[in-house]
Structure formats: structure tokens, C-alpha cells
């Protein structure tokens, strides 16, 4: 395994991932990975593209199956024992390697601080999961220095975000932190302007005292980041050799098994409620008793900063576990608030209520689409796996709601419910397959020159969760097989994974 990853090291990586949103595997942990060959492969790909530019290079050269086939040495990296051990710790055994991947090259341009969309090509399929359900892997086949364009992150920001709804109910797909000057910063020759405006963009999150950290690492390092961490690609200085980064996505497929690992000793005050909740979910360690008043939490949830709202929502969930009915009621009420950030934070608090998350059910029928979206997400917990009312209500949203993001959030929530040992598996599996039938869900995006449906991708994700936890119902196998040829490469990729795992289980 190279440098040993013992229990103490794995627990440290888990803490770094949960608290800061990033942990790094050093090159000595990955002794069999041929960094020089992977660097040369990356350089050759970009040299070939420079000689013969292509509008579809992102689809047929730089990403997804084409990249993996062009660089077979990546399999050594992905199968490295230390990496597997780390990913099993962070996103659980039986994790999924997402069909989407990409090879990045640093340039002289700056990216704006942003969070990636939940689906490939920066599309939005569901709301951000505070629980460690997703991870980004950044592999660097060369040393990364301040001069050659390092990734810059803001540790801890994976639990916060900005409003993305438009007044007419539509929504922004991705989350650049200042949409008004994205191209201006990317293209400007004024370096000082780029730096100033990027600092302003990060500050616009509204959370004080944020750390900024450049990911400078030795050759052959792997950084594993929480999917939703705020980050950007920084500029490369002139006359630098090529700096490349291979990026992969990973997803959880099972409920965490309690490990009883001690919680972090020192956590930023605003982060402690969410970190306590993550530790409860992943490690079975109960949050500390909170002495705050429900009325004060309700005030922060309504009028606080982004970080204060999130902290208040999780404190209300803990108060509800301590027996305060007022706290549960406050979360249910906040789920229908006129302010998007209040509804968003409340959805996380409701999700943490366990079986009492059912308080979100009435909001599924709200006239405001932003409320229905949040309510659907909030119901996505395995604690509701045996609740027939919740299952039917979410299936109702998936099948009848006019809003694609409400339907997509419902599909994602059904995927979380599918992990429960008591989930109504056959009913759920059959309904999900019906939504994947040709012509049922129309394409709603052509971003990246790839016509597809964000809803179908979330449905396929839910199908995968159901299959990983319960297998494929025999009556459904032929319909699943037919989806191997689906026009959406990501739906087909999930289905291939479903069938592969089912074959291993047979």
C-alpha cells in the first residue's frame, strides 16, 4: 500500500474531509502509479488537440470513457490500495466511480470562485448534500506550485452556498460566486482586476474570516475534496511547462456503518452543528447537547448570514432530538419561508430530523415551486425508508410536478430512501424504470453539445442506489438491460454499473 494508511490516518483524513472539505494522499502512498507516463499522456493529448482543434474534444477526447480508454494507466491509480481505502472511508464501501471524468490543463486565465453543478458539465440536478455522498478527486502527475496554476479552495465552504433561484422560478445551473463578471475576470489582461474581483466574489458569500488555500502538492499527489467545496483554477505564470490535472467523481451507495470515531476537538463555531450532524450520520456519535433557545435559532434562520442560518437549522434539529417540539415546528415553518436561503438551510435541518423529517410532506404541495424543490430534497433520508406516505408523495412529485428541478430533487431523495433496508424496493424500482422509458422525461438541456435530461440522470442515480442495496427485481431485468443503449451516456453508465454489480452478486 506504500505509506501505511492505518486507522489513525484514515480517521484524520475523514476529519479533514468533513471539516475542511479536502484531504491529500501523498505520492509515497501510491508507489505503483507511473506519474511520468500519466504526465506524458496528458501532454500528448493537449498537443494533439492544439494541432487539430475540435468542438467536441470535451466529449470525445478529454473526458469520460474516451479519456479512460486513451490513458489505461489511470486504472492503476483508481485501483491503488491506499486510494481505495481512503475513498471507502470518505464515501463508503461499494462507492461508485461516476462515468464523467476530465483532464484539465492550467492556462494563463483565472477561474472565478464557484461550486460545481451537481451533474456533469455544471448542470444542477439536486441540492447540495452536506452528507459525504460525493467526492472529487484531483490527481496531479507533476508538482503543483504557485507558479504553474494551482487550484485554490476555501476550506469549510462545502456547507454554504448562494441563492440560485430567479424571480420567475427558473434557476441558475452552476454557482459562480459573481455571475455578473465571469467572462470579464477570465479574459482580462488586468491581473489586479482579476484578483480584486475574485476576492469580492468570495466575500459575497457573506461568511466572515474565510481562509483561502492554494493546493500546492508534490508530484503524484491526490487531493480528495468534498464535492461542494468553493474552489477555482488559478492562472499559470508565463513560460511554465504544462500543468495537468485528472479529475474523477465518486458517489456513495450505502448508509455509513457506525465507527465510533471521536469527533474533531476544534471546529469553527458556525461549522460545529453541521460537523456534529455529519459525525452522527457517518460514525454514530451523538451530537453534543445544545443549550441554545429555539427562538434564537429561529431568528438566525430567518435573518442571519448563510453560515448562521445553516448552524441554526442543525441546532434546531438537535433541539428536536432533545424533545423540544417547538424546534421541529420551526423547521417545518421555515421550509416555506419567502427567503431562499432560509428555506435551503431549513431543508438540511429537516433532513436531519430522521423519521420526523416527514414534517416536510405538506410543503410538497405548495404553490411556490422553490418550496416544493426544497421539500423534496428534505425528505431524502433513509430514516423514511419504510414510510409509504413519503414514498408515494415523492413518486407523485417525480411523475406529475411541472418543474424539472422539483422532479429531479424528488428522484434524488428516492435514491437516499432506497438505501434503507425497509424500502419498498420493487415498487420503487418499477416506478424509477418507468420514468426512464424513452419519451417520458424530455431533454431539458444541451449544455456541452450533449442533449439530455437532468431529471433522467437523477432517476438513474436513484435506480443505482436501489440496485446496490437490494439488487434488481427479476421482473425488471430485461428493462434494465435495454437501458444499456440509452442515448444519455451518464444514464447508460449508471445502468452498466447496476448490471455489473448485479452480475457480481449472482
Protein backbone atom coordinates (compact mmCIF):
# COMPACT_ATOMS: atom_id res chain seq x y z
CA UNK A 1 0.00 0.00 0.00
CA UNK A 2 3.02 2.28 0.17
CA UNK A 3 2.93 4.51 3.23
CA UNK A 4 0.61 2.83 5.71
CA UNK A 5 -2.95 4.06 5.99
CA UNK A 6 -3.77 2.82 9.46
CA UNK A 7 -6.95 3.58 11.37
CA UNK A 8 -5.45 6.72 12.86
CA UNK A 9 -4.52 8.07 9.43
CA UNK A 10 -7.91 7.22 7.95
CA UNK A 11 -9.68 8.95 10.83
CA UNK A 12 -7.50 12.03 10.27
CA UNK A 13 -8.41 12.07 6.57
CA UNK A 14 -12.08 11.71 7.49
CA UNK A 15 -11.82 14.71 9.81
CA UNK A 16 -10.03 16.82 7.21
CA UNK A 17 -12.64 15.90 4.61
CA UNK A 18 -15.60 16.67 6.89
CA UNK A 19 -14.23 19.86 8.44
CA UNK A 20 -12.08 21.45 5.72
CA UNK A 21 -13.53 19.69 2.68
CA UNK A 22 -10.15 18.40 1.46
CA UNK A 23 -7.59 15.74 2.30
CA UNK A 24 -4.42 14.81 0.39
CA UNK A 25 -2.75 11.46 -0.33
CA UNK A 26 0.98 11.87 -0.66
CA UNK A 27 2.90 10.23 -3.54
CA UNK A 28 4.51 7.65 -1.26
CA UNK A 29 1.02 6.26 -0.59
CA UNK A 30 0.69 5.48 -4.31
CA UNK A 31 4.00 3.79 -5.22
CA UNK A 32 2.76 1.90 -8.28
CA UNK A 33 1.33 4.93 -10.08
CA UNK A 34 3.53 5.95 -13.03
CA UNK A 35 3.35 9.74 -12.76
CA UNK A 36 5.73 10.39 -15.66
CA UNK A 37 3.69 8.29 -18.07
CA UNK A 38 0.46 9.93 -16.94
CA UNK A 39 2.05 13.34 -17.43
CA UNK A 40 3.30 12.43 -20.89
CA UNK A 41 -0.11 11.08 -21.87
CA UNK A 42 -1.78 14.32 -20.76
CA UNK A 43 0.75 16.46 -22.59
CA UNK A 44 0.34 14.45 -25.79
CA UNK A 45 -3.46 14.74 -25.67
CA UNK A 46 -3.26 18.52 -25.44
CA UNK A 47 -0.52 18.68 -28.10
CA UNK A 48 -2.72 16.69 -30.47
CA UNK A 49 -5.70 18.93 -29.74
CA UNK A 50 -3.65 22.05 -30.45
CA UNK A 51 -2.72 20.60 -33.84
CA UNK A 52 -6.29 19.54 -34.65
CA UNK A 53 -8.81 21.53 -32.61
CA UNK A 54 -12.25 20.01 -32.11
CA UNK A 55 -15.51 21.50 -30.81
CA UNK A 56 -16.33 18.14 -29.25
CA UNK A 57 -12.93 17.41 -27.68
CA UNK A 58 -14.51 17.67 -24.22
CA UNK A 59 -16.77 14.74 -25.11
CA UNK A 60 -14.61 12.53 -27.31
CA UNK A 61 -11.06 13.18 -26.11
CA UNK A 62 -10.68 14.96 -22.78
CA UNK A 63 -13.40 13.32 -20.75
CA UNK A 64 -15.48 10.31 -19.83
CA UNK A 65 -14.89 6.90 -21.41
CA UNK A 66 -12.68 8.35 -24.16
CA UNK A 67 -10.16 9.64 -21.62
CA UNK A 68 -10.06 6.39 -19.65
CA UNK A 69 -9.57 4.38 -22.83
CA UNK A 70 -6.83 6.73 -24.07
CA UNK A 71 -4.96 6.59 -20.76
CA UNK A 72 -5.26 2.98 -19.49
CA UNK A 73 -2.61 3.67 -16.85
CA UNK A 74 -5.31 5.53 -14.90
CA UNK A 75 -6.65 2.17 -13.76
CA UNK A 76 -3.54 1.68 -11.63
CA UNK A 77 -4.34 4.97 -9.88
CA UNK A 78 -8.03 4.18 -9.41
CA UNK A 79 -7.25 0.71 -8.03
CA UNK A 80 -4.39 1.80 -5.77
CA UNK A 81 -4.98 0.22 -2.33
CA UNK A 82 -4.36 3.46 -0.42
CA UNK A 83 -6.80 5.38 -2.62
CA UNK A 84 -9.42 2.66 -2.31
CA UNK A 85 -9.01 2.67 1.48
CA UNK A 86 -9.35 6.44 1.60
CA UNK A 87 -12.46 6.51 -0.59
CA UNK A 88 -14.06 3.68 1.38
CA UNK A 89 -13.51 5.79 4.49
CA UNK A 90 -14.85 9.00 3.00
CA UNK A 91 -17.77 7.86 0.82
CA UNK A 92 -18.20 4.29 1.96
CA UNK A 93 -17.58 0.75 0.71
CA UNK A 94 -19.07 -0.06 -2.68
CA UNK A 95 -18.59 3.52 -3.80
CA UNK A 96 -19.27 4.38 -7.42
CA UNK A 97 -16.83 5.89 -9.91
CA UNK A 98 -19.02 8.28 -11.88
CA UNK A 99 -18.92 7.88 -15.69
CA UNK A 100 -17.82 11.51 -16.03
CA UNK A 101 -14.15 12.45 -15.68
CA UNK A 102 -11.93 15.11 -17.25
CA UNK A 103 -8.35 16.09 -17.98
CA UNK A 104 -7.60 19.76 -17.20
CA UNK A 105 -4.71 21.90 -18.36
CA UNK A 106 -3.68 25.06 -16.50
CA UNK A 107 -3.66 28.27 -18.54
CA UNK A 108 -2.95 31.94 -18.01
CA UNK A 109 -6.61 32.58 -17.22
CA UNK A 110 -8.25 32.72 -13.82
CA UNK A 111 -11.45 30.97 -12.87
CA UNK A 112 -14.00 32.71 -10.70
CA UNK A 113 -14.65 31.20 -7.27
CA UNK A 114 -17.51 28.75 -7.74
CA UNK A 115 -19.08 25.47 -6.74
CA UNK A 116 -19.57 22.82 -9.38
CA UNK A 117 -23.04 21.88 -10.52
CA UNK A 118 -24.23 18.53 -9.22
CA UNK A 119 -24.28 16.90 -12.66
CA UNK A 120 -21.62 16.74 -15.42
CA UNK A 121 -20.97 19.95 -17.31
CA UNK A 122 -22.01 22.09 -14.35
CA UNK A 123 -25.72 21.30 -14.51
CA UNK A 124 -27.96 21.26 -11.42
CA UNK A 125 -29.75 18.01 -10.67
CA UNK A 126 -30.39 18.25 -6.94
CA UNK A 127 -29.48 20.35 -3.94
CA UNK A 128 -26.07 20.10 -2.35
CA UNK A 129 -25.60 17.20 0.03
CA UNK A 130 -23.92 18.16 3.29
CA UNK A 131 -23.61 14.45 3.99
CA UNK A 132 -20.47 12.99 2.36
CA UNK A 133 -22.30 11.41 -0.56
CA UNK A 134 -19.95 12.74 -3.25
CA UNK A 135 -16.25 13.41 -3.64
CA UNK A 136 -13.98 14.99 -6.25
CA UNK A 137 -10.55 13.53 -6.93
CA UNK A 138 -7.77 15.73 -8.30
CA UNK A 139 -4.66 13.80 -9.38
CA UNK A 140 -1.56 15.82 -10.30
CA UNK A 141 1.10 13.98 -12.36
CA UNK A 142 3.56 16.82 -11.71
CA UNK A 143 4.36 19.04 -8.76
CA UNK A 144 1.91 21.91 -8.32
CA UNK A 145 3.46 25.24 -7.37
CA UNK A 146 2.19 28.79 -7.00
CA UNK A 147 3.65 29.49 -10.44
CA UNK A 148 2.01 26.75 -12.52
CA UNK A 149 -1.65 27.36 -11.78
CA UNK A 150 -2.75 25.62 -8.58
CA UNK A 151 -6.35 25.00 -7.61
CA UNK A 152 -7.46 27.43 -4.90
CA UNK A 153 -10.03 26.40 -2.30
CA UNK A 154 -11.85 27.98 0.64
CA UNK A 155 -11.81 25.31 3.39
CA UNK A 156 -15.11 24.64 5.13
CA UNK A 157 -17.26 26.24 2.45
CA UNK A 158 -18.77 22.93 1.32
CA UNK A 159 -21.66 23.58 3.71
CA UNK A 160 -22.56 27.05 2.43
CA UNK A 161 -23.72 28.38 -0.91
CA UNK A 162 -25.51 31.30 -2.58
CA UNK A 163 -29.03 31.75 -3.82
CA UNK A 164 -29.59 30.46 -7.33
CA UNK A 165 -33.31 30.89 -7.98
CA UNK A 166 -34.56 33.55 -10.37
CA UNK A 167 -37.62 35.66 -9.69
CA UNK A 168 -39.64 33.79 -12.31
CA UNK A 169 -38.94 30.41 -10.68
CA UNK A 170 -36.17 29.41 -13.07
CA UNK A 171 -32.70 28.80 -11.68
CA UNK A 172 -29.02 29.17 -12.46
CA UNK A 173 -27.46 25.75 -13.24
CA UNK A 174 -23.99 26.41 -11.81
CA UNK A 175 -22.73 28.57 -8.97
CA UNK A 176 -20.10 31.11 -9.96
CA UNK A 177 -19.98 33.47 -6.99
CA UNK A 178 -20.37 36.55 -9.11
CA UNK A 179 -22.19 35.79 -12.35
CA UNK A 180 -22.01 39.42 -13.45
CA UNK A 181 -18.29 39.45 -14.21
CA UNK A 182 -17.40 35.86 -15.01
CA UNK A 183 -16.05 36.50 -18.52
CA UNK A 184 -14.55 39.83 -17.55
CA UNK A 185 -12.31 38.16 -14.99
CA UNK A 186 -11.47 35.19 -17.17
CA UNK A 187 -10.38 37.29 -20.16
CA UNK A 188 -8.97 40.48 -18.67
CA UNK A 189 -5.28 41.38 -19.05
CA UNK A 190 -5.57 43.33 -15.78
CA UNK A 191 -4.25 40.86 -13.19
CA UNK A 192 -5.04 43.20 -10.31
CA UNK A 193 -8.64 43.40 -11.50
CA UNK A 194 -8.92 39.60 -11.55
CA UNK A 195 -7.58 39.30 -8.01
CA UNK A 196 -9.75 42.10 -6.64
CA UNK A 197 -12.93 40.87 -8.20
CA UNK A 198 -12.28 37.27 -7.18
CA UNK A 199 -11.76 38.39 -3.59
CA UNK A 200 -15.04 40.29 -3.81
CA UNK A 201 -16.77 37.23 -5.24
CA UNK A 202 -15.70 35.06 -2.32
CA UNK A 203 -16.65 37.77 0.16
CA UNK A 204 -20.12 37.90 -1.39
CA UNK A 205 -20.85 34.56 0.26
CA UNK A 206 -21.26 36.68 3.38
CA UNK A 207 -19.28 34.41 5.71
CA UNK A 208 -16.51 36.28 7.56
CA UNK A 209 -12.90 35.20 8.01
CA UNK A 210 -12.77 32.64 5.22
CA UNK A 211 -9.41 31.02 4.62
CA UNK A 212 -8.02 30.86 1.08
CA UNK A 213 -5.67 27.98 0.35
CA UNK A 214 -3.73 27.11 -2.80
CA UNK A 215 -3.43 23.35 -3.30
CA UNK A 216 0.33 23.13 -3.85
CA UNK A 217 1.46 19.50 -3.67
CA UNK A 218 4.35 17.24 -4.71
CA UNK A 219 4.33 15.36 -7.99
CA UNK A 220 1.97 12.39 -7.89
CA UNK A 221 -0.31 13.70 -5.14
CA UNK A 222 -4.06 13.11 -4.98
CA UNK A 223 -6.41 15.61 -3.39
CA UNK A 224 -9.87 14.34 -2.44
CA UNK A 225 -12.36 17.15 -1.99
CA UNK A 226 -15.92 17.36 -0.78
CA UNK A 227 -17.91 17.83 -3.97
CA UNK A 228 -19.36 21.19 -2.94
CA UNK A 229 -16.23 22.97 -1.74
CA UNK A 230 -15.80 26.51 -3.10
CA UNK A 231 -12.82 26.49 -5.44
CA UNK A 232 -11.30 27.92 -8.61
CA UNK A 233 -8.48 27.29 -11.04
CA UNK A 234 -5.79 29.96 -10.73
CA UNK A 235 -3.62 31.33 -13.54
CA UNK A 236 -0.37 29.85 -14.70
CA UNK A 237 2.66 32.14 -14.90
CA UNK A 238 4.26 32.65 -18.35
CA UNK A 239 6.88 30.17 -19.60
CA UNK A 240 5.77 27.38 -17.30
CA UNK A 241 5.67 23.78 -18.57
CA UNK A 242 2.25 22.18 -18.84
CA UNK A 243 0.40 21.60 -15.58
CA UNK A 244 -2.26 18.88 -15.81
CA UNK A 245 -4.92 17.51 -13.50
CA UNK A 246 -7.03 14.39 -13.91
CA UNK A 247 -10.44 14.78 -12.26
CA UNK A 248 -12.83 12.00 -11.21
CA UNK A 249 -16.15 11.91 -9.32
CA UNK A 250 -17.14 9.35 -6.69
CA UNK A 251 -20.52 8.65 -5.12
CA UNK A 252 -21.71 6.80 -2.03
CA UNK A 253 -24.09 3.89 -2.48
CA UNK A 254 -24.75 2.72 1.09
CA UNK A 255 -25.65 4.02 4.54
CA UNK A 256 -22.49 4.51 6.63
CA UNK A 257 -21.61 1.88 9.21
CA UNK A 258 -21.01 3.42 12.65
CA UNK A 259 -17.32 3.55 13.58
CA UNK A 260 -17.48 5.46 16.84
CA UNK A 261 -14.55 7.69 15.90
CA UNK A 262 -14.14 10.66 18.24
CA UNK A 263 -15.39 13.98 16.92
CA UNK A 264 -12.94 16.76 15.99
CA UNK A 265 -11.75 18.70 19.01
CA UNK A 266 -11.55 22.13 17.39
CA UNK A 267 -14.09 23.27 14.80
CA UNK A 268 -15.12 26.74 13.75
CA UNK A 269 -18.18 27.72 15.84
CA UNK A 270 -20.51 28.12 12.85
CA UNK A 271 -19.43 24.72 11.50
CA UNK A 272 -19.80 22.73 14.72
CA UNK A 273 -23.55 21.97 14.37
CA UNK A 274 -23.18 20.61 10.84
CA UNK A 275 -19.96 18.73 11.64
CA UNK A 276 -21.67 17.19 14.68
CA UNK A 277 -24.55 16.08 12.45
CA UNK A 278 -22.20 14.59 9.83
CA UNK A 279 -20.35 12.73 12.59
CA UNK A 280 -23.66 11.39 13.88
CA UNK A 281 -24.57 10.13 10.41
CA UNK A 282 -21.19 8.67 9.44
CA UNK A 283 -19.82 7.49 12.78
CA UNK A 284 -22.78 7.01 15.11
CA UNK A 285 -21.50 9.59 17.60
CA UNK A 286 -24.34 11.66 19.03
CA UNK A 287 -24.07 15.46 18.82
CA UNK A 288 -23.38 17.42 21.97
CA UNK A 289 -26.41 18.65 23.86
CA UNK A 290 -27.13 22.22 22.78
CA UNK A 291 -28.24 24.88 25.22
CA UNK A 292 -29.40 27.45 22.69
CA UNK A 293 -33.01 28.62 22.63
CA UNK A 294 -35.28 27.61 19.78
CA UNK A 295 -36.46 31.21 19.48
CA UNK A 296 -32.88 32.42 18.93
CA UNK A 297 -32.29 29.72 16.31
CA UNK A 298 -35.50 30.67 14.57
CA UNK A 299 -34.35 34.30 14.44
CA UNK A 300 -30.96 33.35 12.97
CA UNK A 301 -32.67 31.05 10.48
CA UNK A 302 -34.78 33.95 9.28
CA UNK A 303 -32.32 36.86 9.41
CA UNK A 304 -28.78 35.52 9.86
CA UNK A 305 -25.89 35.16 7.45
CA UNK A 306 -25.59 32.00 5.37
CA UNK A 307 -23.38 30.28 7.96
CA UNK A 308 -25.64 31.36 10.83
CA UNK A 309 -28.73 30.04 9.07
CA UNK A 310 -27.16 26.64 8.46
CA UNK A 311 -25.92 26.42 12.06
CA UNK A 312 -29.35 27.43 13.36
CA UNK A 313 -31.09 24.76 11.28
CA UNK A 314 -28.87 21.98 12.62
CA UNK A 315 -29.20 23.30 16.18
CA UNK A 316 -32.98 23.18 15.78
CA UNK A 317 -32.72 19.57 14.63
CA UNK A 318 -30.69 18.73 17.72
CA UNK A 319 -33.16 20.57 19.94
CA UNK A 320 -35.93 18.50 18.38
CA UNK A 321 -33.99 15.33 19.24
CA UNK A 322 -33.76 16.68 22.78
CA UNK A 323 -37.53 16.77 22.87
CA UNK A 324 -38.38 20.38 22.00
CA UNK A 325 -41.44 20.22 19.75
CA UNK A 326 -41.10 23.95 19.04
CA UNK A 327 -37.81 23.28 17.22
CA UNK A 328 -39.36 20.74 14.87
CA UNK A 329 -42.24 23.09 14.15
CA UNK A 330 -39.85 25.98 13.46
CA UNK A 331 -38.02 23.94 10.82
CA UNK A 332 -41.26 22.94 9.12
CA UNK A 333 -42.40 26.55 9.02
CA UNK A 334 -39.05 27.82 7.72
CA UNK A 335 -39.27 25.36 4.85
CA UNK A 336 -41.98 27.58 3.34
CA UNK A 337 -40.27 30.93 4.07
CA UNK A 338 -40.16 33.54 1.30
CA UNK A 339 -36.35 33.76 1.53
CA UNK A 340 -34.49 31.13 -0.47
CA UNK A 341 -31.52 30.88 1.91
CA UNK A 342 -33.87 30.29 4.86
CA UNK A 343 -35.74 27.53 3.04
CA UNK A 344 -32.45 25.96 1.94
CA UNK A 345 -31.00 25.86 5.46
CA UNK A 346 -34.30 24.58 6.85
CA UNK A 347 -34.23 21.69 4.37
CA UNK A 348 -30.93 20.50 5.86
CA UNK A 349 -32.34 20.75 9.37
CA UNK A 350 -35.48 18.85 8.38
CA UNK A 351 -33.41 16.13 6.72
CA UNK A 352 -31.52 15.70 10.00
CA UNK A 353 -34.75 15.03 11.92
CA UNK A 354 -34.79 11.37 10.92
CA UNK A 355 -38.32 9.93 10.85
CA UNK A 356 -39.68 13.35 11.85
CA UNK A 357 -38.48 14.74 8.51
CA UNK A 358 -41.98 13.81 7.44
CA UNK A 359 -42.85 17.33 8.63
CA UNK A 360 -41.88 18.38 5.08
CA UNK A 361 -44.71 16.43 3.42
CA UNK A 362 -47.28 19.27 3.26
CA UNK A 363 -44.73 21.53 1.56
CA UNK A 364 -44.63 19.17 -1.45
CA UNK A 365 -47.98 20.66 -2.48
CA UNK A 366 -47.03 24.31 -2.01
CA UNK A 367 -47.87 26.71 -4.84
CA UNK A 368 -44.34 28.10 -4.87
CA UNK A 369 -42.01 25.87 -6.85
CA UNK A 370 -38.99 26.79 -4.71
CA UNK A 371 -40.75 25.35 -1.69
CA UNK A 372 -41.60 22.09 -3.45
CA UNK A 373 -38.00 21.68 -4.56
CA UNK A 374 -36.69 22.14 -1.03
CA UNK A 375 -39.32 19.86 0.48
CA UNK A 376 -38.50 17.06 -1.94
CA UNK A 377 -34.81 17.30 -1.07
CA UNK A 378 -35.53 17.44 2.67
CA UNK A 379 -37.40 14.12 2.55
CA UNK A 380 -34.34 12.34 1.15
CA UNK A 381 -33.24 10.28 4.12
CA UNK A 382 -33.07 6.55 4.70
CA UNK A 383 -34.86 7.17 8.01
CA UNK A 384 -38.08 7.43 5.98
CA UNK A 385 -37.45 4.20 4.08
CA UNK A 386 -40.47 2.38 5.47
CA UNK A 387 -42.88 5.33 5.20
CA UNK A 388 -45.36 4.55 2.40
CA UNK A 389 -46.83 8.06 2.52
CA UNK A 390 -43.45 9.64 1.84
CA UNK A 391 -42.66 7.19 -0.96
CA UNK A 392 -45.95 7.83 -2.74
CA UNK A 393 -45.70 11.60 -2.27
CA UNK A 394 -42.20 11.73 -3.76
CA UNK A 395 -43.24 9.49 -6.63
CA UNK A 396 -46.13 11.87 -7.19
CA UNK A 397 -43.75 14.80 -7.50
CA UNK A 398 -41.47 12.81 -9.80
CA UNK A 399 -44.34 11.86 -12.08
CA UNK A 400 -46.52 14.97 -12.08
CA UNK A 401 -44.73 18.14 -10.96
CA UNK A 402 -44.30 20.58 -13.84
CA UNK A 403 -40.90 21.73 -12.60
CA UNK A 404 -37.88 19.70 -13.70
CA UNK A 405 -35.78 20.61 -10.64
CA UNK A 406 -38.59 19.54 -8.30
CA UNK A 407 -38.80 16.23 -10.16
CA UNK A 408 -35.03 15.85 -10.08
CA UNK A 409 -34.85 16.54 -6.33
CA UNK A 410 -37.62 14.01 -5.80
CA UNK A 411 -35.62 11.41 -7.75
CA UNK A 412 -32.50 12.18 -5.71
CA UNK A 413 -34.48 11.86 -2.47
CA UNK A 414 -35.83 8.50 -3.61
CA UNK A 415 -32.24 7.38 -4.08
CA UNK A 416 -31.49 8.14 -0.43
CA UNK A 417 -34.65 6.35 0.69
CA UNK A 418 -33.69 3.34 -1.45
CA UNK A 419 -30.70 2.70 0.83
CA UNK A 420 -32.99 1.73 3.69
CA UNK A 421 -33.29 -1.98 4.43
CA UNK A 422 -37.05 -1.44 4.76
CA UNK A 423 -37.55 0.44 1.48
CA UNK A 424 -40.38 -0.81 -0.75
CA UNK A 425 -37.85 -1.89 -3.29
CA UNK A 426 -39.96 -3.41 -6.06
CA UNK A 427 -42.45 -0.52 -6.04
CA UNK A 428 -39.63 2.00 -6.13
CA UNK A 429 -37.55 0.19 -8.76
CA UNK A 430 -40.52 -0.25 -11.08
CA UNK A 431 -41.52 3.41 -10.81
CA UNK A 432 -37.99 4.62 -11.49
CA UNK A 433 -37.70 2.39 -14.55
CA UNK A 434 -40.97 3.80 -15.88
CA UNK A 435 -39.58 7.34 -15.65
CA UNK A 436 -36.52 6.26 -17.65
CA UNK A 437 -38.59 4.93 -20.52
CA UNK A 438 -37.98 6.69 -23.83
CA UNK A 439 -40.06 9.84 -24.23
CA UNK A 440 -41.28 10.08 -20.64
CA UNK A 441 -38.79 12.73 -19.49
CA UNK A 442 -37.96 15.20 -22.28
CA UNK A 443 -34.47 16.58 -22.71
CA UNK A 444 -34.10 19.86 -20.87
CA UNK A 445 -30.51 20.83 -21.66
CA UNK A 446 -27.97 20.81 -24.49
CA UNK A 447 -25.07 22.20 -22.50
CA UNK A 448 -21.70 20.85 -23.72
CA UNK A 449 -23.32 19.85 -27.04
CA UNK A 450 -24.90 16.89 -25.28
CA UNK A 451 -28.73 16.79 -25.39
CA UNK A 452 -30.02 15.08 -22.25
CA UNK A 453 -32.38 15.30 -19.29
CA UNK A 454 -31.08 16.29 -15.87
CA UNK A 455 -34.12 14.57 -14.38
CA UNK A 456 -33.33 11.24 -16.06
CA UNK A 457 -29.80 11.40 -14.71
CA UNK A 458 -31.15 11.81 -11.16
CA UNK A 459 -33.60 8.96 -11.76
CA UNK A 460 -30.73 6.74 -12.94
CA UNK A 461 -28.80 7.67 -9.80
CA UNK A 462 -31.78 6.59 -7.68
CA UNK A 463 -32.05 3.35 -9.63
CA UNK A 464 -28.39 2.66 -8.92
CA UNK A 465 -28.89 3.27 -5.19
CA UNK A 466 -31.84 0.87 -5.18
CA UNK A 467 -29.91 -1.81 -7.08
CA UNK A 468 -26.79 -1.53 -4.93
CA UNK A 469 -28.80 -2.04 -1.76
CA UNK A 470 -31.45 -4.53 -2.91
CA UNK A 471 -30.49 -5.94 -6.30
CA UNK A 472 -32.57 -5.93 -9.49
CA UNK A 473 -36.09 -7.37 -9.24
CA UNK A 474 -36.19 -10.28 -11.65
CA UNK A 475 -39.21 -8.88 -13.47
CA UNK A 476 -37.26 -5.67 -14.18
CA UNK A 477 -34.02 -7.16 -15.52
CA UNK A 478 -34.91 -7.03 -19.22
CA UNK A 479 -35.93 -3.36 -18.98
CA UNK A 480 -32.67 -2.54 -17.22
CA UNK A 481 -30.69 -4.39 -19.91
CA UNK A 482 -32.41 -2.31 -22.59
CA UNK A 483 -31.15 0.90 -20.98
CA UNK A 484 -27.55 -0.07 -21.71
CA UNK A 485 -28.07 1.57 -25.12
CA UNK A 486 -29.59 4.76 -23.71
CA UNK A 487 -28.77 7.96 -25.60
CA UNK A 488 -27.58 9.64 -22.40
CA UNK A 489 -24.04 8.44 -21.70
CA UNK A 490 -24.48 9.04 -17.95
CA UNK A 491 -27.76 7.16 -17.69
CA UNK A 492 -26.18 4.32 -19.68
CA UNK A 493 -23.11 4.46 -17.45
CA UNK A 494 -25.16 4.12 -14.27
CA UNK A 495 -27.12 1.25 -15.82
CA UNK A 496 -23.91 -0.53 -16.79
CA UNK A 497 -22.78 -0.22 -13.19
CA UNK A 498 -26.11 -1.61 -11.98
CA UNK A 499 -25.74 -4.66 -14.23
CA UNK A 500 -22.09 -5.17 -13.37
CA UNK A 501 -22.84 -5.23 -9.67
CA UNK A 502 -25.86 -7.44 -10.18
CA UNK A 503 -23.68 -9.87 -12.14
CA UNK A 504 -21.14 -9.97 -9.32
CA UNK A 505 -23.92 -10.74 -6.87
CA UNK A 506 -25.41 -13.58 -8.98
